[in-house]
Amino acid sequence: AGISTASVLADGSISGCPSIRANFHQGNIYKDKFIDIW
């Protein structure tokens, strides 16, 4: 998670893995650039 994988959830949240709890995310695809989050 966050090393070779990442996920974009249904609400646009960016996280290292879709299995991680919903409130632990690092950005949102609608507001942030994915490459900056990565």
Full PDB file with SEQRES, HELIX, SHEET, SSBOND, CRYST1, ORIGX, SCALE, CONECT and MASTER records, all heavy atoms in Angstrom:
SEQRES   1 A   38  ALA GLY ILE SER THR ALA SER VAL LEU ALA ASP GLY SER          
SEQRES   2 A   38  ILE SER GLY CYS PRO SER ILE ARG ALA ASN PHE HIS GLN          
SEQRES   3 A   38  GLY ASN ILE TYR LYS ASP LYS PHE ILE ASP ILE TRP              
HELIX    1 AA1 PHE A   34  ILE A   37  1                                   4    
SHEET    1 AA1 3 SER A   7  VAL A   8  0                                        
SHEET    2 AA1 3 SER A  13  SER A  15 -1                                        
SHEET    3 AA1 3 GLY A  27  ASN A  28 -1                                        
CRYST1    1.000    1.000    1.000  90.00  90.00  90.00 P 1           1          
ORIGX1      1.000000  0.000000  0.000000        0.00000                         
ORIGX2      0.000000  1.000000  0.000000        0.00000                         
ORIGX3      0.000000  0.000000  1.000000        0.00000                         
SCALE1      1.000000  0.000000  0.000000        0.00000                         
SCALE2      0.000000  1.000000  0.000000        0.00000                         
SCALE3      0.000000  0.000000  1.000000        0.00000                         
ATOM      1  N   ALA A   1       0.834  -1.202   0.000  1.00  0.00           N  
ATOM      2  CA  ALA A   1       0.000   0.000   0.000  1.00  0.00           C  
ATOM      3  C   ALA A   1       0.870   1.254   0.000  1.00  0.00           C  
ATOM      4  O   ALA A   1       1.736   1.423   0.867  1.00  0.00           O  
ATOM      5  CB  ALA A   1      -0.915   0.004   1.216  1.00  0.00           C  
ATOM      6  N   GLY A   2       0.671   2.123  -0.965  1.00  0.00           N  
ATOM      7  CA  GLY A   2       1.418   3.364  -1.045  1.00  0.00           C  
ATOM      8  C   GLY A   2       2.834   3.216  -1.543  1.00  0.00           C  
ATOM      9  O   GLY A   2       3.553   4.205  -1.713  1.00  0.00           O  
ATOM     10  N   ILE A   3       3.264   1.973  -1.790  1.00  0.00           N  
ATOM     11  CA  ILE A   3       4.614   1.719  -2.294  1.00  0.00           C  
ATOM     12  C   ILE A   3       4.565   1.412  -3.791  1.00  0.00           C  
ATOM     13  O   ILE A   3       5.193   2.089  -4.606  1.00  0.00           O  
ATOM     14  CB  ILE A   3       5.273   0.558  -1.533  1.00  0.00           C  
ATOM     15  CG1 ILE A   3       5.393   0.910  -0.047  1.00  0.00           C  
ATOM     16  CG2 ILE A   3       6.644   0.232  -2.122  1.00  0.00           C  
ATOM     17  CD1 ILE A   3       5.892  -0.209   0.825  1.00  0.00           C  
ATOM     18  N   SER A   4       3.795   0.402  -4.146  1.00  0.00           N  
ATOM     19  CA  SER A   4       3.610   0.085  -5.572  1.00  0.00           C  
ATOM     20  C   SER A   4       2.146   0.104  -5.972  1.00  0.00           C  
ATOM     21  O   SER A   4       1.812  -0.142  -7.125  1.00  0.00           O  
ATOM     22  CB  SER A   4       4.209  -1.290  -5.884  1.00  0.00           C  
ATOM     23  OG  SER A   4       3.572  -2.302  -5.114  1.00  0.00           O  
ATOM     24  N   THR A   5       1.258   0.371  -5.006  1.00  0.00           N  
ATOM     25  CA  THR A   5      -0.168   0.444  -5.300  1.00  0.00           C  
ATOM     26  C   THR A   5      -0.770   1.712  -4.712  1.00  0.00           C  
ATOM     27  O   THR A   5      -0.232   2.293  -3.759  1.00  0.00           O  
ATOM     28  CB  THR A   5      -0.937  -0.769  -4.733  1.00  0.00           C  
ATOM     29  OG1 THR A   5      -0.871  -0.734  -3.294  1.00  0.00           O  
ATOM     30  CG2 THR A   5      -0.367  -2.071  -5.241  1.00  0.00           C  
ATOM     31  N   ALA A   6      -1.873   2.125  -5.303  1.00  0.00           N  
ATOM     32  CA  ALA A   6      -2.647   3.252  -4.798  1.00  0.00           C  
ATOM     33  C   ALA A   6      -4.081   3.039  -5.242  1.00  0.00           C  
ATOM     34  O   ALA A   6      -4.355   2.214  -6.115  1.00  0.00           O  
ATOM     35  CB  ALA A   6      -2.093   4.578  -5.309  1.00  0.00           C  
ATOM     36  N   SER A   7      -4.997   3.776  -4.651  1.00  0.00           N  
ATOM     37  CA  SER A   7      -6.402   3.598  -5.011  1.00  0.00           C  
ATOM     38  C   SER A   7      -7.120   4.934  -5.008  1.00  0.00           C  
ATOM     39  O   SER A   7      -6.752   5.854  -4.280  1.00  0.00           O  
ATOM     40  CB  SER A   7      -7.081   2.639  -4.032  1.00  0.00           C  
ATOM     41  OG  SER A   7      -7.086   3.187  -2.721  1.00  0.00           O  
ATOM     42  N   VAL A   8      -8.135   5.012  -5.870  1.00  0.00           N  
ATOM     43  CA  VAL A   8      -9.038   6.150  -5.887  1.00  0.00           C  
ATOM     44  C   VAL A   8     -10.421   5.600  -5.563  1.00  0.00           C  
ATOM     45  O   VAL A   8     -10.956   4.782  -6.301  1.00  0.00           O  
ATOM     46  CB  VAL A   8      -9.043   6.859  -7.244  1.00  0.00           C  
ATOM     47  CG1 VAL A   8     -10.043   8.017  -7.234  1.00  0.00           C  
ATOM     48  CG2 VAL A   8      -7.642   7.366  -7.598  1.00  0.00           C  
ATOM     49  N   LEU A   9     -10.994   6.029  -4.441  1.00  0.00           N  
ATOM     50  CA  LEU A   9     -12.265   5.491  -3.974  1.00  0.00           C  
ATOM     51  C   LEU A   9     -13.439   6.145  -4.691  1.00  0.00           C  
ATOM     52  O   LEU A   9     -13.275   7.076  -5.482  1.00  0.00           O  
ATOM     53  CB  LEU A   9     -12.379   5.679  -2.465  1.00  0.00           C  
ATOM     54  CG  LEU A   9     -11.219   5.095  -1.631  1.00  0.00           C  
ATOM     55  CD1 LEU A   9     -11.482   5.287  -0.147  1.00  0.00           C  
ATOM     56  CD2 LEU A   9     -10.986   3.630  -1.952  1.00  0.00           C  
ATOM     57  N   ALA A  10     -14.635   5.658  -4.423  1.00  0.00           N  
ATOM     58  CA  ALA A  10     -15.827   6.127  -5.129  1.00  0.00           C  
ATOM     59  C   ALA A  10     -16.067   7.623  -4.948  1.00  0.00           C  
ATOM     60  O   ALA A  10     -16.566   8.291  -5.854  1.00  0.00           O  
ATOM     61  CB  ALA A  10     -17.047   5.339  -4.663  1.00  0.00           C  
ATOM     62  N   ASP A  11     -15.694   8.168  -3.792  1.00  0.00           N  
ATOM     63  CA  ASP A  11     -15.904   9.596  -3.547  1.00  0.00           C  
ATOM     64  C   ASP A  11     -14.720  10.452  -3.997  1.00  0.00           C  
ATOM     65  O   ASP A  11     -14.680  11.652  -3.748  1.00  0.00           O  
ATOM     66  CB  ASP A  11     -16.182   9.852  -2.075  1.00  0.00           C  
ATOM     67  CG  ASP A  11     -15.008   9.460  -1.180  1.00  0.00           C  
ATOM     68  OD1 ASP A  11     -14.032   8.885  -1.696  1.00  0.00           O  
ATOM     69  OD2 ASP A  11     -15.089   9.712   0.043  1.00  0.00           O  
ATOM     70  N   GLY A  12     -13.739   9.816  -4.651  1.00  0.00           N  
ATOM     71  CA  GLY A  12     -12.571  10.540  -5.136  1.00  0.00           C  
ATOM     72  C   GLY A  12     -11.387  10.516  -4.201  1.00  0.00           C  
ATOM     73  O   GLY A  12     -10.303  11.006  -4.545  1.00  0.00           O  
ATOM     74  N   SER A  13     -11.553   9.950  -2.996  1.00  0.00           N  
ATOM     75  CA  SER A  13     -10.459   9.908  -2.032  1.00  0.00           C  
ATOM     76  C   SER A  13      -9.293   9.082  -2.562  1.00  0.00           C  
ATOM     77  O   SER A  13      -9.488   8.025  -3.153  1.00  0.00           O  
ATOM     78  CB  SER A  13     -10.940   9.330  -0.704  1.00  0.00           C  
ATOM     79  OG  SER A  13     -11.951  10.130  -0.148  1.00  0.00           O  
ATOM     80  N   ILE A  14      -8.089   9.564  -2.317  1.00  0.00           N  
ATOM     81  CA  ILE A  14      -6.871   8.875  -2.750  1.00  0.00           C  
ATOM     82  C   ILE A  14      -6.235   8.220  -1.531  1.00  0.00           C  
ATOM     83  O   ILE A  14      -6.002   8.870  -0.509  1.00  0.00           O  
ATOM     84  CB  ILE A  14      -5.880   9.846  -3.403  1.00  0.00           C  
ATOM     85  CG1 ILE A  14      -6.515  10.528  -4.612  1.00  0.00           C  
ATOM     86  CG2 ILE A  14      -4.613   9.114  -3.823  1.00  0.00           C  
ATOM     87  CD1 ILE A  14      -5.660  11.632  -5.209  1.00  0.00           C  
ATOM     88  N   SER A  15      -5.959   6.924  -1.650  1.00  0.00           N  
ATOM     89  CA  SER A  15      -5.368   6.180  -0.547  1.00  0.00           C  
ATOM     90  C   SER A  15      -4.393   5.154  -1.100  1.00  0.00           C  
ATOM     91  O   SER A  15      -4.317   4.940  -2.311  1.00  0.00           O  
ATOM     92  CB  SER A  15      -6.463   5.489   0.267  1.00  0.00           C  
ATOM     93  OG  SER A  15      -5.912   4.764   1.345  1.00  0.00           O  
ATOM     94  N   GLY A  16      -3.642   4.552  -0.207  1.00  0.00           N  
ATOM     95  CA  GLY A  16      -2.660   3.565  -0.642  1.00  0.00           C  
ATOM     96  C   GLY A  16      -3.270   2.229  -1.008  1.00  0.00           C  
ATOM     97  O   GLY A  16      -2.667   1.443  -1.730  1.00  0.00           O  
ATOM     98  N   CYS A  17      -4.503   1.951  -0.531  1.00  0.00           N  
ATOM     99  CA  CYS A  17      -5.147   0.664  -0.788  1.00  0.00           C  
ATOM    100  C   CYS A  17      -6.637   0.795  -0.455  1.00  0.00           C  
ATOM    101  O   CYS A  17      -6.992   1.427   0.545  1.00  0.00           O  
ATOM    102  CB  CYS A  17      -4.502  -0.420   0.080  1.00  0.00           C  
ATOM    103  SG  CYS A  17      -5.301  -2.035  -0.025  1.00  0.00           S  
ATOM    104  N   PRO A  18      -7.519   0.218  -1.254  1.00  0.00           N  
ATOM    105  CA  PRO A  18      -8.953   0.326  -0.965  1.00  0.00           C  
ATOM    106  C   PRO A  18      -9.380  -0.417   0.292  1.00  0.00           C  
ATOM    107  O   PRO A  18     -10.484  -0.189   0.795  1.00  0.00           O  
ATOM    108  CB  PRO A  18      -9.612  -0.284  -2.218  1.00  0.00           C  
ATOM    109  CG  PRO A  18      -8.567  -1.167  -2.815  1.00  0.00           C  
ATOM    110  CD  PRO A  18      -7.266  -0.492  -2.516  1.00  0.00           C  
ATOM    111  N   SER A  19      -8.519  -1.296   0.815  1.00  0.00           N  
ATOM    112  CA  SER A  19      -8.870  -2.046   2.029  1.00  0.00           C  
ATOM    113  C   SER A  19      -8.632  -1.236   3.306  1.00  0.00           C  
ATOM    114  O   SER A  19      -9.105  -1.599   4.375  1.00  0.00           O  
ATOM    115  CB  SER A  19      -8.063  -3.345   2.101  1.00  0.00           C  
ATOM    116  OG  SER A  19      -8.395  -4.203   1.032  1.00  0.00           O  
ATOM    117  N   ILE A  20      -7.889  -0.140   3.187  1.00  0.00           N  
ATOM    118  CA  ILE A  20      -7.604   0.694   4.357  1.00  0.00           C  
ATOM    119  C   ILE A  20      -8.856   1.470   4.738  1.00  0.00           C  
ATOM    120  O   ILE A  20      -9.656   1.844   3.880  1.00  0.00           O  
ATOM    121  CB  ILE A  20      -6.436   1.646   4.044  1.00  0.00           C  
ATOM    122  CG1 ILE A  20      -5.163   0.822   3.770  1.00  0.00           C  
ATOM    123  CG2 ILE A  20      -6.190   2.618   5.183  1.00  0.00           C  
ATOM    124  CD1 ILE A  20      -3.992   1.650   3.304  1.00  0.00           C  
ATOM    125  N   ARG A  21      -9.040   1.719   6.035  1.00  0.00           N  
ATOM    126  CA  ARG A  21     -10.240   2.397   6.519  1.00  0.00           C  
ATOM    127  C   ARG A  21     -10.487   3.698   5.741  1.00  0.00           C  
ATOM    128  O   ARG A  21      -9.560   4.397   5.322  1.00  0.00           O  
ATOM    129  CB  ARG A  21     -10.122   2.663   8.010  1.00  0.00           C  
ATOM    130  CG  ARG A  21      -9.035   3.624   8.392  1.00  0.00           C  
ATOM    131  CD  ARG A  21      -8.852   3.689   9.907  1.00  0.00           C  
ATOM    132  NE  ARG A  21      -7.909   4.717  10.311  1.00  0.00           N  
ATOM    133  CZ  ARG A  21      -6.588   4.578  10.265  1.00  0.00           C  
ATOM    134  NH1 ARG A  21      -6.069   3.438   9.843  1.00  0.00           N  
ATOM    135  NH2 ARG A  21      -5.793   5.573  10.640  1.00  0.00           N  
ATOM    136  N   ALA A  22     -11.755   4.023   5.579  1.00  0.00           N  
ATOM    137  CA  ALA A  22     -12.170   5.118   4.706  1.00  0.00           C  
ATOM    138  C   ALA A  22     -11.664   6.484   5.164  1.00  0.00           C  
ATOM    139  O   ALA A  22     -11.477   7.388   4.351  1.00  0.00           O  
ATOM    140  CB  ALA A  22     -13.693   5.128   4.584  1.00  0.00           C  
ATOM    141  N   ASN A  23     -11.467   6.667   6.485  1.00  0.00           N  
ATOM    142  CA  ASN A  23     -11.071   7.996   6.972  1.00  0.00           C  
ATOM    143  C   ASN A  23      -9.560   8.204   6.957  1.00  0.00           C  
ATOM    144  O   ASN A  23      -9.063   9.207   7.452  1.00  0.00           O  
ATOM    145  CB  ASN A  23     -11.616   8.223   8.385  1.00  0.00           C  
ATOM    146  CG  ASN A  23     -11.039   7.238   9.393  1.00  0.00           C  
ATOM    147  OD1 ASN A  23     -10.431   6.245   9.002  1.00  0.00           O  
ATOM    148  ND2 ASN A  23     -11.242   7.512  10.668  1.00  0.00           N  
ATOM    149  N   PHE A  24      -8.808   7.270   6.407  1.00  0.00           N  
ATOM    150  CA  PHE A  24      -7.352   7.423   6.311  1.00  0.00           C  
ATOM    151  C   PHE A  24      -6.997   7.564   4.828  1.00  0.00           C  
ATOM    152  O   PHE A  24      -6.729   6.588   4.139  1.00  0.00           O  
ATOM    153  CB  PHE A  24      -6.641   6.223   6.938  1.00  0.00           C  
ATOM    154  CG  PHE A  24      -5.141   6.397   6.986  1.00  0.00           C  
ATOM    155  CD1 PHE A  24      -4.571   7.285   7.886  1.00  0.00           C  
ATOM    156  CD2 PHE A  24      -4.308   5.697   6.133  1.00  0.00           C  
ATOM    157  CE1 PHE A  24      -3.192   7.457   7.937  1.00  0.00           C  
ATOM    158  CE2 PHE A  24      -2.928   5.859   6.179  1.00  0.00           C  
ATOM    159  CZ  PHE A  24      -2.373   6.746   7.083  1.00  0.00           C  
ATOM    160  N   HIS A  25      -7.031   8.801   4.341  1.00  0.00           N  
ATOM    161  CA  HIS A  25      -6.683   9.047   2.954  1.00  0.00           C  
ATOM    162  C   HIS A  25      -5.826  10.307   2.867  1.00  0.00           C  
ATOM    163  O   HIS A  25      -5.776  11.115   3.797  1.00  0.00           O  
ATOM    164  CB  HIS A  25      -7.935   9.159   2.080  1.00  0.00           C  
ATOM    165  CG  HIS A  25      -8.960  10.112   2.597  1.00  0.00           C  
ATOM    166  ND1 HIS A  25      -8.856  11.478   2.494  1.00  0.00           N  
ATOM    167  CD2 HIS A  25     -10.129   9.878   3.271  1.00  0.00           C  
ATOM    168  CE1 HIS A  25      -9.908  12.064   3.038  1.00  0.00           C  
ATOM    169  NE2 HIS A  25     -10.703  11.125   3.530  1.00  0.00           N  
ATOM    170  N   GLN A  26      -5.171  10.479   1.750  1.00  0.00           N  
ATOM    171  CA  GLN A  26      -4.172  11.536   1.622  1.00  0.00           C  
ATOM    172  C   GLN A  26      -4.567  12.661   0.668  1.00  0.00           C  
ATOM    173  O   GLN A  26      -3.792  13.577   0.427  1.00  0.00           O  
ATOM    174  CB  GLN A  26      -2.842  10.925   1.154  1.00  0.00           C  
ATOM    175  CG  GLN A  26      -2.123  10.124   2.224  1.00  0.00           C  
ATOM    176  CD  GLN A  26      -2.851   8.839   2.565  1.00  0.00           C  
ATOM    177  OE1 GLN A  26      -3.204   8.073   1.691  1.00  0.00           O  
ATOM    178  NE2 GLN A  26      -3.079   8.614   3.856  1.00  0.00           N  
ATOM    179  N   GLY A  27      -5.728  12.584   0.078  1.00  0.00           N  
ATOM    180  CA  GLY A  27      -6.166  13.630  -0.832  1.00  0.00           C  
ATOM    181  C   GLY A  27      -7.431  13.214  -1.543  1.00  0.00           C  
ATOM    182  O   GLY A  27      -8.035  12.176  -1.232  1.00  0.00           O  
ATOM    183  N   ASN A  28      -7.822  14.019  -2.527  1.00  0.00           N  
ATOM    184  CA  ASN A  28      -9.021  13.711  -3.303  1.00  0.00           C  
ATOM    185  C   ASN A  28      -8.763  14.066  -4.759  1.00  0.00           C  
ATOM    186  O   ASN A  28      -8.253  15.140  -5.069  1.00  0.00           O  
ATOM    187  CB  ASN A  28     -10.221  14.488  -2.771  1.00  0.00           C  
ATOM    188  CG  ASN A  28     -11.531  13.979  -3.346  1.00  0.00           C  
ATOM    189  OD1 ASN A  28     -11.843  14.188  -4.517  1.00  0.00           O  
ATOM    190  ND2 ASN A  28     -12.311  13.302  -2.504  1.00  0.00           N  
ATOM    191  N   ILE A  29      -9.122  13.165  -5.652  1.00  0.00           N  
ATOM    192  CA  ILE A  29      -8.816  13.321  -7.064  1.00  0.00           C  
ATOM    193  C   ILE A  29      -9.517  14.535  -7.671  1.00  0.00           C  
ATOM    194  O   ILE A  29      -9.081  15.089  -8.682  1.00  0.00           O  
ATOM    195  CB  ILE A  29      -9.203  12.034  -7.841  1.00  0.00           C  
ATOM    196  CG1 ILE A  29      -8.489  11.979  -9.188  1.00  0.00           C  
ATOM    197  CG2 ILE A  29     -10.706  11.925  -8.012  1.00  0.00           C  
ATOM    198  CD1 ILE A  29      -7.015  11.786  -9.105  1.00  0.00           C  
ATOM    199  N   TYR A  30     -10.607  14.977  -7.026  1.00  0.00           N  
ATOM    200  CA  TYR A  30     -11.336  16.133  -7.538  1.00  0.00           C  
ATOM    201  C   TYR A  30     -10.669  17.461  -7.156  1.00  0.00           C  
ATOM    202  O   TYR A  30     -10.979  18.505  -7.738  1.00  0.00           O  
ATOM    203  CB  TYR A  30     -12.780  16.122  -7.028  1.00  0.00           C  
ATOM    204  CG  TYR A  30     -13.573  14.932  -7.518  1.00  0.00           C  
ATOM    205  CD1 TYR A  30     -14.030  13.975  -6.624  1.00  0.00           C  
ATOM    206  CD2 TYR A  30     -13.852  14.768  -8.870  1.00  0.00           C  
ATOM    207  CE1 TYR A  30     -14.759  12.872  -7.067  1.00  0.00           C  
ATOM    208  CE2 TYR A  30     -14.568  13.675  -9.324  1.00  0.00           C  
ATOM    209  CZ  TYR A  30     -15.028  12.732  -8.417  1.00  0.00           C  
ATOM    210  OH  TYR A  30     -15.742  11.648  -8.871  1.00  0.00           O  
ATOM    211  N   LYS A  31      -9.770  17.418  -6.174  1.00  0.00           N  
ATOM    212  CA  LYS A  31      -9.114  18.650  -5.725  1.00  0.00           C  
ATOM    213  C   LYS A  31      -7.599  18.612  -5.893  1.00  0.00           C  
ATOM    214  O   LYS A  31      -6.962  19.661  -6.046  1.00  0.00           O  
ATOM    215  CB  LYS A  31      -9.444  18.893  -4.252  1.00  0.00           C  
ATOM    216  CG  LYS A  31     -10.925  19.086  -3.957  1.00  0.00           C  
ATOM    217  CD  LYS A  31     -11.155  19.430  -2.497  1.00  0.00           C  
ATOM    218  CE  LYS A  31     -10.716  18.281  -1.586  1.00  0.00           C  
ATOM    219  NZ  LYS A  31     -11.005  18.580  -0.154  1.00  0.00           N  
ATOM    220  N   ASP A  32      -7.015  17.416  -5.854  1.00  0.00           N  
ATOM    221  CA  ASP A  32      -5.557  17.291  -5.856  1.00  0.00           C  
ATOM    222  C   ASP A  32      -5.068  16.545  -7.085  1.00  0.00           C  
ATOM    223  O   ASP A  32      -5.793  15.738  -7.671  1.00  0.00           O  
ATOM    224  CB  ASP A  32      -5.097  16.542  -4.592  1.00  0.00           C  
ATOM    225  CG  ASP A  32      -5.669  17.152  -3.324  1.00  0.00           C  
ATOM    226  OD1 ASP A  32      -5.431  18.335  -3.102  1.00  0.00           O  
ATOM    227  OD2 ASP A  32      -6.366  16.414  -2.587  1.00  0.00           O  
ATOM    228  N   LYS A  33      -3.834  16.805  -7.445  1.00  0.00           N  
ATOM    229  CA  LYS A  33      -3.200  16.054  -8.523  1.00  0.00           C  
ATOM    230  C   LYS A  33      -2.685  14.729  -7.965  1.00  0.00           C  
ATOM    231  O   LYS A  33      -1.981  14.706  -6.951  1.00  0.00           O  
ATOM    232  CB  LYS A  33      -2.050  16.848  -9.127  1.00  0.00           C  
ATOM    233  CG  LYS A  33      -2.483  18.069  -9.917  1.00  0.00           C  
ATOM    234  CD  LYS A  33      -1.282  18.742 -10.565  1.00  0.00           C  
ATOM    235  CE  LYS A  33      -1.723  19.941 -11.404  1.00  0.00           C  
ATOM    236  NZ  LYS A  33      -0.565  20.603 -12.044  1.00  0.00           N  
ATOM    237  N   PHE A  34      -3.029  13.659  -8.654  1.00  0.00           N  
ATOM    238  CA  PHE A  34      -2.647  12.340  -8.149  1.00  0.00           C  
ATOM    239  C   PHE A  34      -1.136  12.220  -8.002  1.00  0.00           C  
ATOM    240  O   PHE A  34      -0.636  11.677  -7.020  1.00  0.00           O  
ATOM    241  CB  PHE A  34      -3.169  11.250  -9.098  1.00  0.00           C  
ATOM    242  CG  PHE A  34      -2.812   9.859  -8.666  1.00  0.00           C  
ATOM    243  CD1 PHE A  34      -3.577   9.182  -7.732  1.00  0.00           C  
ATOM    244  CD2 PHE A  34      -1.676   9.233  -9.165  1.00  0.00           C  
ATOM    245  CE1 PHE A  34      -3.239   7.903  -7.318  1.00  0.00           C  
ATOM    246  CE2 PHE A  34      -1.324   7.958  -8.756  1.00  0.00           C  
ATOM    247  CZ  PHE A  34      -2.107   7.287  -7.837  1.00  0.00           C  
ATOM    248  N   ILE A  35      -0.383  12.726  -8.967  1.00  0.00           N  
ATOM    249  CA  ILE A  35       1.072  12.573  -8.930  1.00  0.00           C  
ATOM    250  C   ILE A  35       1.671  13.301  -7.726  1.00  0.00           C  
ATOM    251  O   ILE A  35       2.665  12.851  -7.143  1.00  0.00           O  
ATOM    252  CB  ILE A  35       1.714  13.065 -10.252  1.00  0.00           C  
ATOM    253  CG1 ILE A  35       3.175  12.638 -10.334  1.00  0.00           C  
ATOM    254  CG2 ILE A  35       1.545  14.564 -10.416  1.00  0.00           C  
ATOM    255  CD1 ILE A  35       3.386  11.151 -10.385  1.00  0.00           C  
ATOM    256  N   ASP A  36       1.041  14.440  -7.334  1.00  0.00           N  
ATOM    257  CA  ASP A  36       1.530  15.155  -6.147  1.00  0.00           C  
ATOM    258  C   ASP A  36       1.288  14.334  -4.885  1.00  0.00           C  
ATOM    259  O   ASP A  36       2.153  14.284  -3.988  1.00  0.00           O  
ATOM    260  CB  ASP A  36       0.833  16.513  -6.025  1.00  0.00           C  
ATOM    261  CG  ASP A  36       1.257  17.488  -7.124  1.00  0.00           C  
ATOM    262  OD1 ASP A  36       2.341  17.268  -7.707  1.00  0.00           O  
ATOM    263  OD2 ASP A  36       0.493  18.427  -7.402  1.00  0.00           O  
ATOM    264  N   ILE A  37       0.134  13.714  -4.804  1.00  0.00           N  
ATOM    265  CA  ILE A  37      -0.164  12.850  -3.646  1.00  0.00           C  
ATOM    266  C   ILE A  37       0.808  11.678  -3.618  1.00  0.00           C  
ATOM    267  O   ILE A  37       1.363  11.334  -2.565  1.00  0.00           O  
ATOM    268  CB  ILE A  37      -1.617  12.344  -3.703  1.00  0.00           C  
ATOM    269  CG1 ILE A  37      -2.601  13.512  -3.695  1.00  0.00           C  
ATOM    270  CG2 ILE A  37      -1.903  11.384  -2.554  1.00  0.00           C  
ATOM    271  CD1 ILE A  37      -2.554  14.361  -2.459  1.00  0.00           C  
ATOM    272  N   TRP A  38       1.022  11.059  -4.761  1.00  0.00           N  
ATOM    273  CA  TRP A  38       1.917   9.898  -4.840  1.00  0.00           C  
ATOM    274  C   TRP A  38       3.338  10.258  -4.408  1.00  0.00           C  
ATOM    275  O   TRP A  38       3.976   9.512  -3.667  1.00  0.00           O  
ATOM    276  CB  TRP A  38       1.905   9.355  -6.268  1.00  0.00           C  
ATOM    277  CG  TRP A  38       2.851   8.220  -6.495  1.00  0.00           C  
ATOM    278  CD1 TRP A  38       4.126   8.283  -6.990  1.00  0.00           C  
ATOM    279  CD2 TRP A  38       2.633   6.837  -6.201  1.00  0.00           C  
ATOM    280  NE1 TRP A  38       4.701   7.042  -7.031  1.00  0.00           N  
ATOM    281  CE2 TRP A  38       3.809   6.130  -6.555  1.00  0.00           C  
ATOM    282  CE3 TRP A  38       1.552   6.134  -5.682  1.00  0.00           C  
ATOM    283  CZ2 TRP A  38       3.916   4.760  -6.406  1.00  0.00           C  
ATOM    284  CZ3 TRP A  38       1.679   4.748  -5.536  1.00  0.00           C  
ATOM    285  CH2 TRP A  38       2.840   4.080  -5.896  1.00  0.00           C  
TER     286      TRP A  38                                                      
MASTER        0    0    0    1    3    0    0    6  285    1    0    3          
END                                                                             
